[in-house]
Amino acid sequence: MRVFQNFNYDFLGRRKYAYLISGSLFLIGLISVLVRGFHFGVDFKGGSEIVLQFEKPIEIANIREYMTDIGLGNVEVKTFGGETGVMIRTELQSIPSQIYPRVIAGLETEMEQILPGVPRRLIDSSNNSVTYSFENPDTTNKIIDGLLEAGFQPVRVTEELTNTQMRVSVGIADWIKENLRAKISDNHFTILKEDRIGPKIGEELKQDALLALFFSMIAILIYIGFRFKFIFALGAVAALFYNVLVTLGLFSALYDLIPGLNLEIDLNIVAAFLTIIGYSINDTIVVFDRIRENLKIHKTRSFFDIVNTSLSQTMSRTILTGGSVILTLIVLLFLGGEILRAFAFTLLAGILIGTYSSIFIASTLVYDYATKYKKKLEF
């Protein structure tokens, strides 16, 4: 951009103010994380997550009331994507044993409405599925088609033309669907998805996510230390650590404060953080590379001037690259729907904070270290 063609700003001269702002944000984020903690998604804490899509707008308070006494324990209900979407979460992975017979009774009632008086035989029953056998393949296919239309999850036991058996997956979504249909008869809805994950797997995923973040920073430390100097590597990793913690602090601090930003940490958020680390370190390396070039060219200039000049010279690239990404993420945040909202918000916050940390943390730490210990950096 031409406006940045002769740009020259005293970044290092403002570093004390930057340290004050950075320290305050870091402290606020750390306190929020320690006091309020995080809200994890089903990926990490285990449980079931069911998403319903209604034809007409619904009152979320009514859905919460309907879900209170249906035998699923502590149920969380919130809007999903708009006035017609609902997300229901519970820590259960399967239907409680006392409710299971009532779900099967509802299933058999539906089959009776599809083909009244049709002979059937129960072959197998568990908390996750039930298997029936019918007299002929045509009857089996009609029952399957009818149950699919009613919102159940039936499948043929085999793909042979002579197949007479049907297996129906039975989940918490079926019990929720049965209760809501009895109470909301004038607003048809469908089940968009039902995700289930056990707590043991969730804990393993949480550990793997932390290890992924940790080893990515170790790899970056080694790479930058080898390509530049070790102090450059420490400055870059410090900036990345700051970036991740402040963004996590936003997750903790904003929960229940801003409508639409009740964001939970799941595998999509971990992917967003890894993307932030990659983007931020690229920003930092661009600045470090320009500092190294200027150190080779201007051997008599002070390190203070070289760092300031390098930051000013890369500002055009930083604004153009960051600005285009930020505009895209803003569109995703407001128009991408509920599924992409947390991912877009994480990237947006991380890129803004990462751009700031590349300028006012990574580079200034390198300068302060070299000045304090009187290190002459040469390449």
Protein backbone atom coordinates (compact mmCIF):
# COMPACT_ATOMS: atom_id res chain seq x y z
CA MET A 1 0.00 0.00 0.00
CA ARG A 2 1.33 3.43 -0.91
CA VAL A 3 0.29 4.87 2.45
CA PHE A 4 2.93 2.63 4.06
CA GLN A 5 5.59 3.22 1.42
CA ASN A 6 7.64 5.59 3.60
CA PHE A 7 6.23 4.46 6.90
CA ASN A 8 8.53 4.93 9.90
CA TYR A 9 7.28 4.49 13.45
CA ASP A 10 9.14 4.32 16.74
CA PHE A 11 7.83 0.92 17.90
CA LEU A 12 10.62 0.33 20.41
CA GLY A 13 10.13 3.77 21.90
CA ARG A 14 6.58 2.71 22.86
CA ARG A 15 7.58 -0.69 24.19
CA LYS A 16 7.07 0.24 27.87
CA TYR A 17 3.44 1.11 27.18
CA ALA A 18 3.16 -2.08 25.15
CA TYR A 19 4.57 -4.12 28.03
CA LEU A 20 2.00 -2.52 30.36
CA ILE A 21 -0.88 -3.36 28.02
CA SER A 22 0.48 -6.85 27.34
CA GLY A 23 0.99 -7.57 31.03
CA SER A 24 -2.52 -6.39 31.88
CA LEU A 25 -4.14 -8.54 29.18
CA PHE A 26 -2.00 -11.51 30.19
CA LEU A 27 -2.94 -11.10 33.86
CA ILE A 28 -6.66 -10.70 33.10
CA GLY A 29 -6.58 -13.80 30.88
CA LEU A 30 -4.68 -15.84 33.47
CA ILE A 31 -7.03 -14.83 36.31
CA SER A 32 -10.08 -15.63 34.19
CA VAL A 33 -8.69 -19.04 33.29
CA LEU A 34 -7.83 -19.85 36.92
CA VAL A 35 -11.09 -18.53 38.41
CA ARG A 36 -13.73 -19.24 35.76
CA GLY A 37 -12.03 -22.08 33.93
CA PHE A 38 -13.20 -23.38 30.56
CA HIS A 39 -16.34 -24.89 29.16
CA PHE A 40 -15.48 -27.99 27.17
CA GLY A 41 -17.54 -29.49 24.41
CA VAL A 42 -18.70 -33.06 24.12
CA ASP A 43 -15.40 -33.91 22.38
CA PHE A 44 -13.54 -33.49 25.67
CA LYS A 45 -15.95 -34.04 28.55
CA GLY A 46 -18.01 -36.85 27.04
CA GLY A 47 -21.76 -37.04 26.62
CA SER A 48 -24.32 -36.54 23.88
CA GLU A 49 -25.05 -33.53 21.72
CA ILE A 50 -28.27 -33.38 19.73
CA VAL A 51 -29.14 -30.61 17.26
CA LEU A 52 -32.79 -30.06 16.27
CA GLN A 53 -34.08 -27.93 13.40
CA PHE A 54 -37.66 -26.64 13.67
CA GLU A 55 -39.80 -25.35 10.82
CA LYS A 56 -40.92 -22.25 12.77
CA PRO A 57 -39.20 -20.10 15.40
CA ILE A 58 -39.35 -21.51 18.92
CA GLU A 59 -39.08 -20.14 22.44
CA ILE A 60 -35.89 -21.56 23.92
CA ALA A 61 -37.29 -21.16 27.45
CA ASN A 62 -40.14 -23.54 26.59
CA ILE A 63 -37.70 -26.18 25.28
CA ARG A 64 -35.68 -25.91 28.52
CA GLU A 65 -38.86 -26.43 30.52
CA TYR A 66 -39.83 -29.48 28.44
CA MET A 67 -36.37 -31.02 28.98
CA THR A 68 -36.24 -30.67 32.76
CA ASP A 69 -38.10 -33.80 33.89
CA ILE A 70 -37.60 -36.39 31.17
CA GLY A 71 -35.03 -38.51 33.05
CA LEU A 72 -31.82 -37.34 31.34
CA GLY A 73 -30.32 -35.57 34.36
CA ASN A 74 -28.71 -32.16 33.85
CA VAL A 75 -29.65 -31.07 30.32
CA GLU A 76 -28.23 -27.94 28.65
CA VAL A 77 -30.39 -26.27 26.01
CA LYS A 78 -29.37 -23.32 23.83
CA THR A 79 -30.11 -21.85 20.42
CA PHE A 80 -28.21 -23.14 17.41
CA GLY A 81 -27.68 -20.90 14.43
CA GLY A 82 -30.94 -18.96 14.70
CA GLU A 83 -34.49 -18.89 16.02
CA THR A 84 -35.36 -22.32 14.59
CA GLY A 85 -32.32 -24.29 15.76
CA VAL A 86 -31.80 -25.92 19.18
CA MET A 87 -28.75 -27.67 20.64
CA ILE A 88 -29.35 -30.07 23.53
CA ARG A 89 -26.46 -31.45 25.56
CA THR A 90 -26.39 -34.10 28.26
CA GLU A 91 -23.57 -35.97 29.99
CA LEU A 92 -25.26 -39.30 29.23
CA GLN A 93 -24.09 -41.43 26.31
CA SER A 94 -27.03 -43.83 26.23
CA ILE A 95 -30.66 -43.97 27.31
CA PRO A 96 -31.14 -44.78 31.03
CA SER A 97 -32.40 -48.31 31.64
CA GLN A 98 -35.68 -47.10 33.20
CA ILE A 99 -36.50 -45.07 30.09
CA TYR A 100 -35.42 -47.65 27.49
CA PRO A 101 -38.69 -49.70 27.52
CA ARG A 102 -40.70 -46.53 26.91
CA VAL A 103 -38.55 -45.69 23.88
CA ILE A 104 -39.05 -49.19 22.46
CA ALA A 105 -42.79 -48.88 23.09
CA GLY A 106 -42.81 -45.65 21.08
CA LEU A 107 -40.91 -47.36 18.27
CA GLU A 108 -43.41 -50.24 18.14
CA THR A 109 -46.31 -47.79 18.19
CA GLU A 110 -44.85 -46.10 15.13
CA MET A 111 -44.46 -49.47 13.34
CA GLU A 112 -48.08 -50.26 14.18
CA GLN A 113 -49.17 -47.02 12.52
CA ILE A 114 -47.14 -47.83 9.39
CA LEU A 115 -48.53 -51.38 8.97
CA PRO A 116 -51.25 -52.17 11.53
CA GLY A 117 -51.16 -55.70 12.87
CA VAL A 118 -47.97 -56.64 11.01
CA PRO A 119 -46.33 -59.75 12.54
CA ARG A 120 -42.84 -59.08 13.91
CA ARG A 121 -40.35 -60.82 16.15
CA LEU A 122 -37.85 -59.15 18.48
CA ILE A 123 -34.44 -60.75 17.88
CA ASP A 124 -32.02 -58.60 19.88
CA SER A 125 -32.25 -55.62 22.21
CA SER A 126 -29.59 -53.42 23.84
CA ASN A 127 -29.25 -49.84 25.04
CA ASN A 128 -28.03 -48.73 21.60
CA SER A 129 -30.11 -50.71 19.10
CA VAL A 130 -32.96 -53.14 18.64
CA THR A 131 -33.37 -55.77 15.89
CA TYR A 132 -36.67 -57.08 14.47
CA SER A 133 -37.52 -59.82 12.00
CA PHE A 134 -40.52 -59.69 9.63
CA GLU A 135 -42.27 -62.27 7.45
CA ASN A 136 -40.99 -61.06 4.06
CA PRO A 137 -38.61 -58.49 2.50
CA ASP A 138 -41.42 -56.23 1.22
CA THR A 139 -42.79 -55.76 4.72
CA THR A 140 -39.29 -55.07 6.03
CA ASN A 141 -38.68 -52.41 3.38
CA LYS A 142 -42.02 -50.70 4.03
CA ILE A 143 -41.36 -50.55 7.77
CA ILE A 144 -37.86 -49.17 7.20
CA ASP A 145 -39.12 -46.48 4.81
CA GLY A 146 -41.87 -45.49 7.23
CA LEU A 147 -39.51 -45.26 10.20
CA LEU A 148 -37.03 -43.20 8.19
CA GLU A 149 -39.80 -40.75 7.34
CA ALA A 150 -40.76 -40.60 11.02
CA GLY A 151 -37.20 -39.66 11.96
CA PHE A 152 -35.88 -43.00 13.29
CA GLN A 153 -32.61 -44.62 12.21
CA PRO A 154 -33.45 -48.08 10.81
CA VAL A 155 -31.11 -50.11 8.55
CA ARG A 156 -31.28 -53.47 6.82
CA VAL A 157 -29.26 -56.14 8.59
CA THR A 158 -27.98 -57.34 5.20
CA GLU A 159 -28.15 -55.90 1.69
CA GLU A 160 -29.51 -59.12 0.22
CA LEU A 161 -32.86 -58.93 -1.58
CA THR A 162 -34.21 -61.65 0.71
CA ASN A 163 -33.36 -59.72 3.89
CA THR A 164 -36.20 -59.76 6.44
CA GLN A 165 -34.42 -58.19 9.42
CA MET A 166 -34.19 -54.56 10.51
CA ARG A 167 -31.90 -52.94 13.07
CA VAL A 168 -32.93 -49.60 14.59
CA SER A 169 -30.41 -47.42 16.42
CA VAL A 170 -31.90 -46.18 19.66
CA GLY A 171 -30.38 -43.06 21.20
CA ILE A 172 -31.12 -40.19 23.49
CA ALA A 173 -32.31 -38.22 20.46
CA ASP A 174 -35.21 -40.65 20.07
CA TRP A 175 -36.38 -40.05 23.63
CA ILE A 176 -36.06 -36.28 23.22
CA LYS A 177 -37.94 -36.46 19.92
CA GLU A 178 -40.77 -38.46 21.48
CA ASN A 179 -41.18 -36.00 24.36
CA LEU A 180 -41.05 -32.88 22.21
CA ARG A 181 -43.49 -34.19 19.62
CA ALA A 182 -46.02 -34.81 22.39
CA LYS A 183 -45.66 -31.21 23.60
CA ILE A 184 -45.02 -29.35 20.32
CA SER A 185 -47.46 -30.73 17.80
CA ASP A 186 -47.75 -27.62 15.62
CA ASN A 187 -44.03 -27.15 14.84
CA HIS A 188 -42.40 -30.01 12.93
CA PHE A 189 -38.70 -30.60 13.55
CA THR A 190 -35.90 -32.86 12.39
CA ILE A 191 -32.73 -34.13 14.07
CA LEU A 192 -29.72 -32.62 12.30
CA LYS A 193 -27.10 -34.60 14.21
CA GLU A 194 -26.44 -36.67 17.31
CA ASP A 195 -22.85 -36.94 18.56
CA ARG A 196 -21.81 -39.28 21.36
CA ILE A 197 -18.43 -39.71 22.99
CA GLY A 198 -17.31 -41.45 26.18
CA PRO A 199 -15.55 -39.58 29.02
CA LYS A 200 -12.42 -41.75 28.75
CA ILE A 201 -12.02 -40.91 25.06
CA GLY A 202 -12.73 -37.26 25.87
CA GLU A 203 -9.93 -37.20 28.45
CA GLU A 204 -7.52 -38.80 25.98
CA LEU A 205 -8.47 -36.22 23.34
CA LYS A 206 -7.84 -33.42 25.85
CA GLN A 207 -4.36 -34.76 26.62
CA ASP A 208 -3.57 -35.21 22.92
CA ALA A 209 -4.68 -31.63 22.21
CA LEU A 210 -2.37 -30.23 24.92
CA LEU A 211 0.51 -32.33 23.63
CA ALA A 212 -0.11 -31.10 20.09
CA LEU A 213 0.11 -27.47 21.23
CA PHE A 214 3.18 -28.15 23.39
CA PHE A 215 5.18 -30.02 20.76
CA SER A 216 4.29 -27.48 18.08
CA MET A 217 5.91 -24.76 20.21
CA ILE A 218 8.96 -26.95 20.90
CA ALA A 219 9.37 -27.57 17.17
CA ILE A 220 9.11 -23.84 16.49
CA LEU A 221 11.69 -23.11 19.21
CA ILE A 222 14.17 -25.51 17.62
CA TYR A 223 13.51 -24.31 14.08
CA ILE A 224 13.91 -20.59 14.81
CA GLY A 225 16.90 -21.21 17.07
CA PHE A 226 18.59 -23.05 14.21
CA ARG A 227 17.60 -20.54 11.50
CA PHE A 228 18.29 -17.34 13.48
CA LYS A 229 19.62 -17.11 17.05
CA PHE A 230 18.36 -18.73 20.23
CA ILE A 231 17.11 -15.39 21.62
CA PHE A 232 14.98 -14.96 18.50
CA ALA A 233 13.46 -18.38 19.20
CA LEU A 234 12.69 -17.46 22.81
CA GLY A 235 11.07 -14.19 21.72
CA ALA A 236 8.92 -15.98 19.13
CA VAL A 237 7.77 -18.71 21.53
CA ALA A 238 7.04 -16.14 24.26
CA ALA A 239 4.85 -14.26 21.78
CA LEU A 240 3.07 -17.49 20.81
CA PHE A 241 2.49 -18.45 24.44
CA TYR A 242 1.08 -14.98 25.09
CA ASN A 243 -1.14 -15.27 22.02
CA VAL A 244 -2.59 -18.63 23.05
CA LEU A 245 -3.17 -17.69 26.69
CA VAL A 246 -4.86 -14.35 25.97
CA THR A 247 -7.12 -16.00 23.38
CA LEU A 248 -8.00 -18.73 25.89
CA GLY A 249 -8.66 -15.99 28.43
CA LEU A 250 -11.22 -14.51 26.04
CA PHE A 251 -12.99 -17.87 25.87
CA SER A 252 -13.18 -17.98 29.65
CA ALA A 253 -14.05 -14.31 30.24
CA LEU A 254 -16.72 -13.89 27.54
CA TYR A 255 -18.73 -17.03 28.37
CA ASP A 256 -22.25 -16.03 29.51
CA LEU A 257 -21.40 -12.33 29.02
CA ILE A 258 -22.04 -11.79 25.31
CA PRO A 259 -24.96 -13.53 23.52
CA GLY A 260 -23.70 -15.78 20.76
CA LEU A 261 -20.21 -16.09 22.26
CA ASN A 262 -20.86 -18.91 24.73
CA LEU A 263 -17.97 -20.75 23.09
CA GLU A 264 -16.81 -24.16 24.20
CA ILE A 265 -13.45 -25.74 23.57
CA ASP A 266 -13.62 -28.73 21.26
CA LEU A 267 -11.45 -30.29 18.55
CA ASN A 268 -12.35 -27.53 16.08
CA ILE A 269 -10.96 -24.96 18.53
CA VAL A 270 -7.75 -26.95 18.91
CA ALA A 271 -7.39 -26.90 15.12
CA ALA A 272 -7.97 -23.12 15.22
CA PHE A 273 -5.21 -22.67 17.82
CA LEU A 274 -2.75 -24.70 15.75
CA THR A 275 -3.66 -22.52 12.77
CA ILE A 276 -3.07 -19.39 14.87
CA ILE A 277 0.36 -20.68 15.91
CA GLY A 278 1.30 -21.26 12.28
CA TYR A 279 0.02 -17.86 11.14
CA SER A 280 1.62 -15.95 14.02
CA ILE A 281 5.02 -17.58 13.67
CA ASN A 282 4.99 -16.77 9.96
CA ASP A 283 4.35 -13.11 10.84
CA THR A 284 7.19 -13.17 13.34
CA ILE A 285 9.65 -14.84 10.96
CA VAL A 286 8.96 -12.17 8.31
CA VAL A 287 10.00 -9.49 10.82
CA PHE A 288 13.02 -11.48 12.04
CA ASP A 289 14.13 -12.06 8.46
CA ARG A 290 14.03 -8.33 7.74
CA ILE A 291 16.00 -7.62 10.94
CA ARG A 292 18.65 -10.12 9.85
CA GLU A 293 18.88 -8.56 6.37
CA ASN A 294 19.23 -5.05 7.79
CA LEU A 295 21.89 -6.22 10.25
CA LYS A 296 23.92 -7.49 7.30
CA ILE A 297 23.42 -4.32 5.24
CA HIS A 298 23.67 -1.62 7.91
CA LYS A 299 26.55 -2.77 10.08
CA THR A 300 27.16 0.68 11.62
CA ARG A 301 23.56 1.50 12.54
CA SER A 302 22.30 0.95 16.07
CA PHE A 303 20.27 -2.15 16.78
CA PHE A 304 17.44 0.14 18.00
CA ASP A 305 17.14 1.78 14.57
CA ILE A 306 17.43 -1.55 12.74
CA VAL A 307 14.56 -3.14 14.67
CA ASN A 308 12.35 -0.06 14.23
CA THR A 309 13.15 0.13 10.51
CA SER A 310 12.50 -3.59 10.02
CA LEU A 311 9.11 -3.41 11.75
CA SER A 312 8.16 -0.36 9.67
CA GLN A 313 9.24 -2.02 6.41
CA THR A 314 7.12 -5.11 7.07
CA MET A 315 4.04 -3.14 8.15
CA SER A 316 2.62 -2.98 4.62
CA ARG A 317 2.78 -6.74 4.27
CA THR A 318 1.33 -7.21 7.79
CA ILE A 319 -1.66 -4.91 7.12
CA LEU A 320 -2.44 -6.38 3.69
CA THR A 321 -2.16 -10.02 4.75
CA GLY A 322 -3.80 -9.65 8.13
CA GLY A 323 -6.53 -7.36 6.82
CA SER A 324 -7.64 -9.74 4.08
CA VAL A 325 -7.75 -12.67 6.53
CA ILE A 326 -9.61 -10.63 9.15
CA LEU A 327 -12.27 -9.51 6.64
CA THR A 328 -12.85 -13.14 5.66
CA LEU A 329 -13.14 -14.22 9.29
CA ILE A 330 -15.62 -11.44 10.09
CA VAL A 331 -17.87 -12.72 7.30
CA LEU A 332 -17.57 -16.28 8.66
CA LEU A 333 -18.24 -15.09 12.19
CA PHE A 334 -21.54 -13.41 11.33
CA LEU A 335 -22.71 -15.43 8.33
CA GLY A 336 -21.03 -18.81 8.72
CA GLY A 337 -23.58 -20.19 11.15
CA GLU A 338 -23.27 -21.69 14.61
CA ILE A 339 -20.92 -24.49 13.60
CA LEU A 340 -18.24 -22.12 12.24
CA ARG A 341 -18.73 -19.32 14.79
CA ALA A 342 -16.34 -20.60 17.45
CA PHE A 343 -13.68 -21.47 14.87
CA ALA A 344 -13.96 -18.04 13.20
CA PHE A 345 -13.92 -16.16 16.51
CA THR A 346 -10.83 -18.05 17.69
CA LEU A 347 -8.94 -17.31 14.47
CA LEU A 348 -10.05 -13.67 14.46
CA ALA A 349 -8.96 -13.05 18.06
CA GLY A 350 -5.77 -15.08 17.62
CA ILE A 351 -4.68 -13.26 14.45
CA LEU A 352 -5.31 -9.82 15.97
CA ILE A 353 -3.43 -10.71 19.14
CA GLY A 354 -0.75 -12.56 17.16
CA THR A 355 -0.06 -9.55 14.94
CA TYR A 356 0.29 -7.37 18.04
CA SER A 357 2.57 -9.89 19.78
CA SER A 358 4.82 -10.26 16.72
CA ILE A 359 5.51 -6.51 16.84
CA PHE A 360 5.43 -5.61 20.53
CA ILE A 361 6.53 -8.84 22.22
CA ALA A 362 8.75 -10.98 19.99
CA SER A 363 10.84 -8.14 18.51
CA THR A 364 11.00 -6.01 21.66
CA LEU A 365 12.11 -8.99 23.78
CA VAL A 366 14.96 -9.63 21.35
CA TYR A 367 16.01 -5.96 21.53
CA ASP A 368 15.81 -5.77 25.35
CA TYR A 369 17.82 -8.98 25.73
CA ALA A 370 20.53 -7.79 23.35
CA THR A 371 20.68 -4.40 25.09
CA LYS A 372 20.67 -5.70 28.66
CA TYR A 373 23.37 -8.31 28.13
CA LYS A 374 25.25 -6.22 25.55
CA LYS A 375 24.99 -8.93 22.92
CA LYS A 376 26.05 -8.01 19.42
CA LEU A 377 23.87 -9.94 17.00
CA GLU A 378 25.66 -10.83 13.80
CA PHE A 379 24.66 -13.07 10.90
